[in-house]
Amino acid sequence: MVWLKWLPWKLILRYVARAHGFLDPIALLARLHRFAQPSEVAEPVELLRAGVVLHARGLINSRVIQHNLDWVWPYWVERQFDPKDKAFVPRAFSITHINLTHRNWTAIGLPDCPELPIVDPRGLVTPLFDKWSIDSWILTEDGRSLLPSRSKFSDQQLDLGDSLSVTTKTHQDGISLVTQAEVKPESGVPICRVKIKACADTKAWLIIALRPYNPEGVSFIHKIALSHDRTAWTIDGSQTVKFSAPADHHHVSNYRGGDVYIHLRDLDDESEKKCDVGMITSAALFTMEPGKSREIVASIPLKGDHTIKQLPGALWEENLKNHCKLTIPDQRFQFLYDAALRTMILHSPGDVYPGPYTYKRFWFRDAAFILHGLLCAGMTDRAEKVLDRFPDRQNALGYFHSQDGEWDSNGEALWIMGRFCEIMGKPSGSWVDFVR
């Protein structure tokens, strides 16, 4: 494949762009460079690539969301597309529709486990990276419904107990819904568990809904099948969602049929369906008696080659051992400090990441700040594990590359290594001895 390097890519790119009426991307980048101070390197190409991927999804969002506003969408869409909401974003000339106003999802997981499920401000759980989500609703016999993403008020809490968990409570007109999402190992495999507890003042149905989107927008689902015992979904032939009890009713809809929520009262019970567009929606219904709570647990195995041999409490205790503790009377600041420690541990399973989803990519700039925080908190062993991976990123010219293969300035990487040696009481140039 060496011959590919000799192709005139810039000329080809220019020709294709101009032939379709687009601006010359090469000339545009050249103009962009003039706005910056002279530097050894230009802006990272991976930054441009990340932006293109983000807006590619935004282009799909624009084709799907604004023409189907009767669907139940995630919290950011329900608010950002509502002209009466302060989060409303006018979109007349916007080519892409992306989440600009509610980028505040929360990660859950286990130390050194690379899989980080995320929970949005209304309890929508995205268990797998850049995939579909699990939502929960309540539908009463007299026609009322509780949809967390459309609720104006909700209470959400991060629990720092034996395992990180996010609890979301939503109440409305005699109906209450509480969801708790966490990651726990079962037979050594990390499992995302979503515990859903519902109560209503009349006969109702607790609904676990499969949604073809996440906090960034549309995420395709082409096929779903309910197991014969009605206790599990198989999604696109590989991913699974298991229920703690059999579904009393089950409905599926494809894109042409509209959102399954719209037809919950008129659809026939179905166990499987395909959708060429990739917008399958499904709902598993569990009956609720008046005034009695109903609890269902949805479990999603997380992919990965690692095996977890310890319980969550022991895992966190081991990873927080010898860390710098803070004990102050202000409970709010105490919580913020404790949560920050666990966040740094979650986001450094091998490489270190600034976030669990869109920002789950390695950058030396972000690594500098995060590793500095780890060192200040006394987590030198964890910082050293990250630094162990640095030499493999360096080429013969002294530049370091990210996980996407792009080259970066060596200043930040050397600063991190020098800082590590300084804290360990070694000469700043001796970092090579540490990472070997």
Foldseek 3Di string as FASTA:
>chain_A
DVVVVVDPVLVVQQVVQVVVPHDRVVVVVVVVQVVDDDDPDDPFVVVVVLVVVLQVQQLVQVVPCVVFVVAQDALQCLQCCDPVHPNHDDCPPPNGDWRDRFPDWDWWDFFLDLFTWTAGQQGWIDRGFLWWTKAKKKAAPVGDIGGSSNDPDKDWDWDPPLTTKIWIWDDDDQKIKIWIWHWWDDQQFIKIKIKIKIAGQAKIKMKIKIFQADNTGGHFWFKWFADPQQAKIQTPNHWMKGKPHHFPAKDKDEVVRGACVVCVPPGHGDGMDGYPVRGMMMMGIDIDHRGDMDMMMIMTTYDDDGGDDDTSNVRVCVQLPPWAADDDPPVVVNVVVSVLVVVLSNQQSQAGFPDSHSGNWHDLVVLLVSLVVCVNRVNLVSSLSNLLPFVVQADPVGWGDTPVGITDHNVSNLVSLLVSCVSVVHHSPCSVVSSD
